[in-house]
Amino acid sequence: MPLRICILETDVLRPELVDQYHGYGRMFELLFAQQPIAAEFTVYNVMQGIYPPEGERFDAYLVTGSKADSFGTDPWIETLRTYLLERYQRGDKLLGICFGHQLLALLLGGKSERATQGWGVGIHNYTLAPATPWMSPAMDKLTLLISHQDQVTALPANATVIASSEFCPFAAYHINDQVLCFQGHPEFIHDYSRTLLDIRQQCLGEHIYQQGIASLDYEHNGTTVAEWMMRFVAHKADKAAV
């Protein structure tokens, strides 16, 4: 049977981008369709207060990126924190990307804040820790599209770093077989990243903008990360079935 994944969508795209890109939930559906593990996805926009029905169970819950701050106090963020903590305490598998990566770290005892390094944009390179069984196919380094000005600055006590760089030391981590998070955006495509860079050109400054645009000449490992995420979920499901 395919894995059942709940995508908790934590943003709404700008109106001018909706026709082409739809939303982050749709971006993840397109991404995961490119990896070999069978999975079904249901998207709930929690920013709009939409959650799975009571009693509905999934193999994993994925928290998307957002323009909001993970350390913000908006009512919808507080509601999401409560919901995720309940899922964690119940033993559910949790996946986090960008905002989700930061929110889960914060929720589970780490720290997330505005980064002194400033904006990270375009394609970024990371050093990888030794591969775990679910990091297949194995790679020597990782490249991902990024767009963030916040970072995790302290990990939960039981978290293990799996990707890092000088710019972003805690770029990916896992907590045992239950939580897996990435600061980068495996679901982004080059055209969407270019659009974000153009929209934010003035606030980024010309130097960071031009660096980001130039980096888009290179490919990234988003589909590999998608496979790692599904293998991580399947690994947990296999253990639970024993």
C-alpha atoms as a PDB file:
ATOM      1  CA  MET A   1       0.000   0.000   0.000  1.00  0.00           C
ATOM      2  CA  PRO A   2       1.213   3.557  -0.683  1.00  0.00           C
ATOM      3  CA  LEU A   3       2.332   5.743   2.181  1.00  0.00           C
ATOM      4  CA  ARG A   4      -0.268   8.279   3.292  1.00  0.00           C
ATOM      5  CA  ILE A   5       1.255  11.732   3.802  1.00  0.00           C
ATOM      6  CA  CYS A   6      -0.532  14.751   5.271  1.00  0.00           C
ATOM      7  CA  ILE A   7       0.853  18.050   3.942  1.00  0.00           C
ATOM      8  CA  LEU A   8       0.265  20.902   6.376  1.00  0.00           C
ATOM      9  CA  GLU A   9       0.474  23.946   4.110  1.00  0.00           C
ATOM     10  CA  THR A  10       1.598  27.029   6.035  1.00  0.00           C
ATOM     11  CA  ASP A  11       1.337  29.782   3.442  1.00  0.00           C
ATOM     12  CA  VAL A  12      -0.729  31.166   0.581  1.00  0.00           C
ATOM     13  CA  LEU A  13       1.084  32.243  -2.576  1.00  0.00           C
ATOM     14  CA  ARG A  14       0.890  35.754  -3.955  1.00  0.00           C
ATOM     15  CA  PRO A  15      -2.174  36.070  -6.237  1.00  0.00           C
ATOM     16  CA  GLU A  16      -0.019  36.567  -9.339  1.00  0.00           C
ATOM     17  CA  LEU A  17       1.740  33.225  -8.713  1.00  0.00           C
ATOM     18  CA  VAL A  18      -1.268  31.011  -7.990  1.00  0.00           C
ATOM     19  CA  ASP A  19      -2.230  30.181 -11.588  1.00  0.00           C
ATOM     20  CA  GLN A  20       1.237  28.853 -12.392  1.00  0.00           C
ATOM     21  CA  TYR A  21       2.389  27.350  -9.075  1.00  0.00           C
ATOM     22  CA  HIS A  22      -0.913  26.773  -7.165  1.00  0.00           C
ATOM     23  CA  GLY A  23       0.655  26.425  -3.698  1.00  0.00           C
ATOM     24  CA  TYR A  24       3.364  24.700  -1.695  1.00  0.00           C
ATOM     25  CA  GLY A  25       1.229  21.615  -1.227  1.00  0.00           C
ATOM     26  CA  ARG A  26       0.967  21.172  -4.996  1.00  0.00           C
ATOM     27  CA  MET A  27       4.721  21.754  -5.370  1.00  0.00           C
ATOM     28  CA  PHE A  28       5.371  18.878  -2.967  1.00  0.00           C
ATOM     29  CA  GLU A  29       2.929  16.617  -4.787  1.00  0.00           C
ATOM     30  CA  LEU A  30       4.813  17.250  -8.049  1.00  0.00           C
ATOM     31  CA  LEU A  31       8.154  16.679  -6.332  1.00  0.00           C
ATOM     32  CA  PHE A  32       7.203  13.405  -4.669  1.00  0.00           C
ATOM     33  CA  ALA A  33       5.752  12.088  -7.933  1.00  0.00           C
ATOM     34  CA  GLN A  34       9.356  11.981  -9.217  1.00  0.00           C
ATOM     35  CA  GLN A  35      10.625   9.549  -6.569  1.00  0.00           C
ATOM     36  CA  PRO A  36      10.106   5.766  -6.607  1.00  0.00           C
ATOM     37  CA  ILE A  37       8.210   5.087  -3.368  1.00  0.00           C
ATOM     38  CA  ALA A  38       4.426   4.948  -3.728  1.00  0.00           C
ATOM     39  CA  ALA A  39       2.684   7.625  -1.685  1.00  0.00           C
ATOM     40  CA  GLU A  40      -0.602   9.503  -1.540  1.00  0.00           C
ATOM     41  CA  PHE A  41      -0.866  13.104  -0.360  1.00  0.00           C
ATOM     42  CA  THR A  42      -3.619  15.205   1.171  1.00  0.00           C
ATOM     43  CA  VAL A  43      -3.081  18.957   1.594  1.00  0.00           C
ATOM     44  CA  TYR A  44      -4.559  21.014   4.453  1.00  0.00           C
ATOM     45  CA  ASN A  45      -3.915  24.752   4.627  1.00  0.00           C
ATOM     46  CA  VAL A  46      -3.410  25.298   8.356  1.00  0.00           C
ATOM     47  CA  MET A  47      -2.805  29.014   7.840  1.00  0.00           C
ATOM     48  CA  GLN A  48      -6.503  29.113   6.901  1.00  0.00           C
ATOM     49  CA  GLY A  49      -7.387  26.891   9.871  1.00  0.00           C
ATOM     50  CA  ILE A  50      -7.954  23.700   7.847  1.00  0.00           C
ATOM     51  CA  TYR A  51      -6.788  20.466   9.525  1.00  0.00           C
ATOM     52  CA  PRO A  52      -7.371  16.734   9.001  1.00  0.00           C
ATOM     53  CA  PRO A  53     -10.675  15.424  10.384  1.00  0.00           C
ATOM     54  CA  GLU A  54     -10.561  14.018  13.899  1.00  0.00           C
ATOM     55  CA  GLY A  55      -9.428  10.413  13.812  1.00  0.00           C
ATOM     56  CA  GLU A  56      -7.796  10.617  10.374  1.00  0.00           C
ATOM     57  CA  ARG A  57      -4.373   8.950  10.498  1.00  0.00           C
ATOM     58  CA  PHE A  58      -1.363   9.366   8.226  1.00  0.00           C
ATOM     59  CA  ASP A  59       2.064   7.754   7.979  1.00  0.00           C
ATOM     60  CA  ALA A  60       3.669  11.213   8.257  1.00  0.00           C
ATOM     61  CA  TYR A  61       2.849  14.901   8.567  1.00  0.00           C
ATOM     62  CA  LEU A  62       4.867  17.377   6.470  1.00  0.00           C
ATOM     63  CA  VAL A  63       5.061  21.066   7.465  1.00  0.00           C
ATOM     64  CA  THR A  64       5.822  23.313   4.481  1.00  0.00           C
ATOM     65  CA  GLY A  65       7.706  26.572   4.163  1.00  0.00           C
ATOM     66  CA  SER A  66       6.096  29.934   4.869  1.00  0.00           C
ATOM     67  CA  LYS A  67       6.839  33.649   4.720  1.00  0.00           C
ATOM     68  CA  ALA A  68       5.835  33.726   8.420  1.00  0.00           C
ATOM     69  CA  ASP A  69       8.380  33.497  11.245  1.00  0.00           C
ATOM     70  CA  SER A  70       8.503  30.161  13.074  1.00  0.00           C
ATOM     71  CA  PHE A  71       8.916  32.119  16.321  1.00  0.00           C
ATOM     72  CA  GLY A  72       5.882  34.293  15.529  1.00  0.00           C
ATOM     73  CA  THR A  73       2.841  34.498  17.802  1.00  0.00           C
ATOM     74  CA  ASP A  74       0.072  34.576  15.181  1.00  0.00           C
ATOM     75  CA  PRO A  75      -2.929  32.537  16.395  1.00  0.00           C
ATOM     76  CA  TRP A  76      -2.637  30.068  13.499  1.00  0.00           C
ATOM     77  CA  ILE A  77       1.037  29.408  14.404  1.00  0.00           C
ATOM     78  CA  GLU A  78       0.117  28.791  18.042  1.00  0.00           C
ATOM     79  CA  THR A  79      -2.616  26.373  16.935  1.00  0.00           C
ATOM     80  CA  LEU A  80      -0.156  24.561  14.654  1.00  0.00           C
ATOM     81  CA  ARG A  81       2.376  24.256  17.478  1.00  0.00           C
ATOM     82  CA  THR A  82      -0.215  22.598  19.694  1.00  0.00           C
ATOM     83  CA  TYR A  83      -1.247  20.250  16.893  1.00  0.00           C
ATOM     84  CA  LEU A  84       2.347  19.235  16.081  1.00  0.00           C
ATOM     85  CA  LEU A  85       3.245  18.676  19.712  1.00  0.00           C
ATOM     86  CA  GLU A  86       0.255  16.354  20.031  1.00  0.00           C
ATOM     87  CA  ARG A  87       1.384  14.454  16.925  1.00  0.00           C
ATOM     88  CA  TYR A  88       4.928  14.186  18.271  1.00  0.00           C
ATOM     89  CA  GLN A  89       3.781  12.959  21.677  1.00  0.00           C
ATOM     90  CA  ARG A  90       1.586  10.389  19.945  1.00  0.00           C
ATOM     91  CA  GLY A  91       4.659   9.077  18.097  1.00  0.00           C
ATOM     92  CA  ASP A  92       3.682  10.252  14.609  1.00  0.00           C
ATOM     93  CA  LYS A  93       6.343  10.900  11.980  1.00  0.00           C
ATOM     94  CA  LEU A  94       6.978  14.608  11.313  1.00  0.00           C
ATOM     95  CA  LEU A  95       8.739  16.186   8.322  1.00  0.00           C
ATOM     96  CA  GLY A  96       9.675  19.871   8.145  1.00  0.00           C
ATOM     97  CA  ILE A  97      10.863  22.172   5.359  1.00  0.00           C
ATOM     98  CA  CYS A  98      12.201  25.717   5.974  1.00  0.00           C
ATOM     99  CA  PHE A  99       9.504  27.198   8.265  1.00  0.00           C
ATOM    100  CA  GLY A 100       8.572  23.645   9.267  1.00  0.00           C
ATOM    101  CA  HIS A 101      12.226  22.794   9.937  1.00  0.00           C
ATOM    102  CA  GLN A 102      12.522  25.822  12.212  1.00  0.00           C
ATOM    103  CA  LEU A 103       9.139  25.400  13.921  1.00  0.00           C
ATOM    104  CA  LEU A 104       9.769  21.755  14.832  1.00  0.00           C
ATOM    105  CA  ALA A 105      13.228  22.574  16.204  1.00  0.00           C
ATOM    106  CA  LEU A 106      11.739  25.358  18.316  1.00  0.00           C
ATOM    107  CA  LEU A 107       8.829  23.215  19.463  1.00  0.00           C
ATOM    108  CA  LEU A 108      11.062  20.328  20.543  1.00  0.00           C
ATOM    109  CA  GLY A 109      13.553  22.319  22.600  1.00  0.00           C
ATOM    110  CA  GLY A 110      15.811  24.095  20.111  1.00  0.00           C
ATOM    111  CA  LYS A 111      15.985  27.729  19.013  1.00  0.00           C
ATOM    112  CA  SER A 112      15.020  29.542  15.810  1.00  0.00           C
ATOM    113  CA  GLU A 113      15.578  33.218  15.128  1.00  0.00           C
ATOM    114  CA  ARG A 114      16.466  35.871  12.570  1.00  0.00           C
ATOM    115  CA  ALA A 115      19.907  34.896  11.249  1.00  0.00           C
ATOM    116  CA  THR A 116      22.831  37.286  11.685  1.00  0.00           C
ATOM    117  CA  GLN A 117      24.120  35.919   8.364  1.00  0.00           C
ATOM    118  CA  GLY A 118      21.231  37.613   6.547  1.00  0.00           C
ATOM    119  CA  TRP A 119      19.279  36.221   3.602  1.00  0.00           C
ATOM    120  CA  GLY A 120      20.136  32.880   2.055  1.00  0.00           C
ATOM    121  CA  VAL A 121      18.928  32.591  -1.551  1.00  0.00           C
ATOM    122  CA  GLY A 122      19.495  30.566  -4.708  1.00  0.00           C
ATOM    123  CA  ILE A 123      21.317  27.247  -4.722  1.00  0.00           C
ATOM    124  CA  HIS A 124      23.342  26.398  -1.627  1.00  0.00           C
ATOM    125  CA  ASN A 125      25.863  23.609  -0.976  1.00  0.00           C
ATOM    126  CA  TYR A 126      26.007  21.531   2.204  1.00  0.00           C
ATOM    127  CA  THR A 127      28.357  19.005   3.730  1.00  0.00           C
ATOM    128  CA  LEU A 128      26.639  15.740   4.636  1.00  0.00           C
ATOM    129  CA  ALA A 129      27.126  13.574   7.694  1.00  0.00           C
ATOM    130  CA  PRO A 130      27.712   9.828   7.127  1.00  0.00           C
ATOM    131  CA  ALA A 131      24.650   8.324   5.459  1.00  0.00           C
ATOM    132  CA  THR A 132      21.947   6.567   7.454  1.00  0.00           C
ATOM    133  CA  PRO A 133      20.045   3.621   5.863  1.00  0.00           C
ATOM    134  CA  TRP A 134      17.257   5.854   4.543  1.00  0.00           C
ATOM    135  CA  MET A 135      19.675   8.330   2.888  1.00  0.00           C
ATOM    136  CA  SER A 136      19.586   6.410  -0.374  1.00  0.00           C
ATOM    137  CA  PRO A 137      20.874   7.137  -2.931  1.00  0.00           C
ATOM    138  CA  ALA A 138      23.903   8.207  -0.896  1.00  0.00           C
ATOM    139  CA  MET A 139      25.743  11.417  -1.827  1.00  0.00           C
ATOM    140  CA  ASP A 140      28.977  13.115  -0.765  1.00  0.00           C
ATOM    141  CA  LYS A 141      27.410  16.591  -0.643  1.00  0.00           C
ATOM    142  CA  LEU A 142      23.980  18.165  -0.942  1.00  0.00           C
ATOM    143  CA  THR A 143      22.718  21.095  -2.998  1.00  0.00           C
ATOM    144  CA  LEU A 144      19.293  22.662  -2.482  1.00  0.00           C
ATOM    145  CA  LEU A 145      17.415  25.791  -3.461  1.00  0.00           C
ATOM    146  CA  ILE A 146      16.963  28.076  -0.457  1.00  0.00           C
ATOM    147  CA  SER A 147      15.087  31.221   0.488  1.00  0.00           C
ATOM    148  CA  HIS A 148      15.298  32.170   4.162  1.00  0.00           C
ATOM    149  CA  GLN A 149      16.360  34.890   6.581  1.00  0.00           C
ATOM    150  CA  ASP A 150      15.673  32.824   9.731  1.00  0.00           C
ATOM    151  CA  GLN A 151      17.677  29.827  10.897  1.00  0.00           C
ATOM    152  CA  VAL A 152      17.768  27.161  13.574  1.00  0.00           C
ATOM    153  CA  THR A 153      20.509  28.350  15.942  1.00  0.00           C
ATOM    154  CA  ALA A 154      20.226  25.579  18.539  1.00  0.00           C
ATOM    155  CA  LEU A 155      18.984  22.043  17.983  1.00  0.00           C
ATOM    156  CA  PRO A 156      16.760  19.974  20.275  1.00  0.00           C
ATOM    157  CA  ALA A 157      18.926  17.921  22.645  1.00  0.00           C
ATOM    158  CA  ASN A 158      18.225  14.606  20.886  1.00  0.00           C
ATOM    159  CA  ALA A 159      18.643  15.878  17.292  1.00  0.00           C
ATOM    160  CA  THR A 160      21.394  14.739  14.913  1.00  0.00           C
ATOM    161  CA  VAL A 161      22.728  17.075  12.191  1.00  0.00           C
ATOM    162  CA  ILE A 162      22.874  15.521   8.724  1.00  0.00           C
ATOM    163  CA  ALA A 163      23.646  18.588   6.544  1.00  0.00           C
ATOM    164  CA  SER A 164      25.575  21.754   7.353  1.00  0.00           C
ATOM    165  CA  SER A 165      27.499  24.678   5.906  1.00  0.00           C
ATOM    166  CA  GLU A 166      29.365  27.645   7.304  1.00  0.00           C
ATOM    167  CA  PHE A 167      26.366  29.821   6.412  1.00  0.00           C
ATOM    168  CA  CYS A 168      23.802  27.389   7.881  1.00  0.00           C
ATOM    169  CA  PRO A 169      25.307  24.981  10.452  1.00  0.00           C
ATOM    170  CA  PHE A 170      22.008  23.167  11.187  1.00  0.00           C
ATOM    171  CA  ALA A 171      20.686  22.836   7.643  1.00  0.00           C
ATOM    172  CA  ALA A 172      19.125  19.392   8.155  1.00  0.00           C
ATOM    173  CA  TYR A 173      18.570  17.165  11.168  1.00  0.00           C
ATOM    174  CA  HIS A 174      16.672  14.135  12.312  1.00  0.00           C
ATOM    175  CA  ILE A 175      15.414  13.025  15.703  1.00  0.00           C
ATOM    176  CA  ASN A 176      15.689   9.249  15.880  1.00  0.00           C
ATOM    177  CA  ASP A 177      13.173   7.677  13.461  1.00  0.00           C
ATOM    178  CA  GLN A 178      10.477  10.262  14.087  1.00  0.00           C
ATOM    179  CA  VAL A 179      11.474  13.727  12.834  1.00  0.00           C
ATOM    180  CA  LEU A 180      13.326  14.751   9.648  1.00  0.00           C
ATOM    181  CA  CYS A 181      13.785  18.389   8.642  1.00  0.00           C
ATOM    182  CA  PHE A 182      15.554  20.445   5.956  1.00  0.00           C
ATOM    183  CA  GLN A 183      16.164  24.188   5.818  1.00  0.00           C
ATOM    184  CA  GLY A 184      16.354  24.087   2.006  1.00  0.00           C
ATOM    185  CA  HIS A 185      13.444  23.693  -0.397  1.00  0.00           C
ATOM    186  CA  PRO A 186      13.506  20.393  -2.299  1.00  0.00           C
ATOM    187  CA  GLU A 187      10.119  21.302  -3.785  1.00  0.00           C
ATOM    188  CA  PHE A 188      11.319  24.541  -5.418  1.00  0.00           C
ATOM    189  CA  ILE A 189      12.109  24.687  -9.124  1.00  0.00           C
ATOM    190  CA  HIS A 190      14.510  27.175 -10.708  1.00  0.00           C
ATOM    191  CA  ASP A 191      11.775  29.337 -12.264  1.00  0.00           C
ATOM    192  CA  TYR A 192       9.971  29.768  -8.951  1.00  0.00           C
ATOM    193  CA  SER A 193      13.227  30.666  -7.167  1.00  0.00           C
ATOM    194  CA  ARG A 194      14.010  33.210  -9.897  1.00  0.00           C
ATOM    195  CA  THR A 195      10.570  34.734  -9.446  1.00  0.00           C
ATOM    196  CA  LEU A 196      11.091  35.053  -5.669  1.00  0.00           C
ATOM    197  CA  LEU A 197      14.480  36.670  -6.246  1.00  0.00           C
ATOM    198  CA  ASP A 198      12.953  39.200  -8.635  1.00  0.00           C
ATOM    199  CA  ILE A 199      10.157  40.020  -6.183  1.00  0.00           C
ATOM    200  CA  ARG A 200      12.648  40.518  -3.336  1.00  0.00           C
ATOM    201  CA  GLN A 201      15.437  42.178  -5.309  1.00  0.00           C
ATOM    202  CA  GLN A 202      15.135  45.516  -3.539  1.00  0.00           C
ATOM    203  CA  CYS A 203      15.080  44.094   0.006  1.00  0.00           C
ATOM    204  CA  LEU A 204      17.892  41.608  -0.762  1.00  0.00           C
ATOM    205  CA  GLY A 205      20.252  44.192  -2.213  1.00  0.00           C
ATOM    206  CA  GLU A 206      21.949  43.910  -5.591  1.00  0.00           C
ATOM    207  CA  HIS A 207      24.917  41.787  -4.453  1.00  0.00           C
ATOM    208  CA  ILE A 208      22.850  39.007  -2.831  1.00  0.00           C
ATOM    209  CA  TYR A 209      20.326  39.165  -5.672  1.00  0.00           C
ATOM    210  CA  GLN A 210      22.984  38.728  -8.372  1.00  0.00           C
ATOM    211  CA  GLN A 211      24.652  35.894  -6.446  1.00  0.00           C
ATOM    212  CA  GLY A 212      21.328  34.125  -6.166  1.00  0.00           C
ATOM    213  CA  ILE A 213      20.541  34.559  -9.867  1.00  0.00           C
ATOM    214  CA  ALA A 214      23.998  33.274 -10.888  1.00  0.00           C
ATOM    215  CA  SER A 215      23.607  30.176  -8.687  1.00  0.00           C
ATOM    216  CA  LEU A 216      20.525  29.124 -10.676  1.00  0.00           C
ATOM    217  CA  ASP A 217      22.830  27.971 -13.493  1.00  0.00           C
ATOM    218  CA  TYR A 218      23.364  24.805 -11.424  1.00  0.00           C
ATOM    219  CA  GLU A 219      21.152  21.836 -10.574  1.00  0.00           C
ATOM    220  CA  HIS A 220      20.016  20.812  -7.096  1.00  0.00           C
ATOM    221  CA  ASN A 221      19.201  17.549  -5.300  1.00  0.00           C
ATOM    222  CA  GLY A 222      15.541  18.129  -4.480  1.00  0.00           C
ATOM    223  CA  THR A 223      14.318  14.828  -5.935  1.00  0.00           C
ATOM    224  CA  THR A 224      16.958  12.919  -3.958  1.00  0.00           C
ATOM    225  CA  VAL A 225      15.841  14.606  -0.732  1.00  0.00           C
ATOM    226  CA  ALA A 226      12.248  13.693  -1.592  1.00  0.00           C
ATOM    227  CA  GLU A 227      13.307  10.044  -1.864  1.00  0.00           C
ATOM    228  CA  TRP A 228      15.168  10.265   1.452  1.00  0.00           C
ATOM    229  CA  MET A 229      12.036  11.655   3.096  1.00  0.00           C
ATOM    230  CA  MET A 230       9.825   8.857   1.808  1.00  0.00           C
ATOM    231  CA  ARG A 231      12.428   6.220   2.722  1.00  0.00           C
ATOM    232  CA  PHE A 232      12.572   7.756   6.200  1.00  0.00           C
ATOM    233  CA  VAL A 233       8.801   7.393   6.522  1.00  0.00           C
ATOM    234  CA  ALA A 234       8.838   3.862   5.083  1.00  0.00           C
ATOM    235  CA  HIS A 235      11.687   2.880   7.415  1.00  0.00           C
ATOM    236  CA  LYS A 236       9.565   3.915  10.395  1.00  0.00           C
ATOM    237  CA  ALA A 237       6.514   2.089   9.041  1.00  0.00           C
ATOM    238  CA  ASP A 238       8.522  -1.101   8.469  1.00  0.00           C
ATOM    239  CA  LYS A 239       9.840  -1.026  12.057  1.00  0.00           C
ATOM    240  CA  ALA A 240       6.353  -0.471  13.436  1.00  0.00           C
ATOM    241  CA  ALA A 241       5.021  -3.460  11.493  1.00  0.00           C
ATOM    242  CA  VAL A 242       7.556  -5.902  12.938  1.00  0.00           C
END
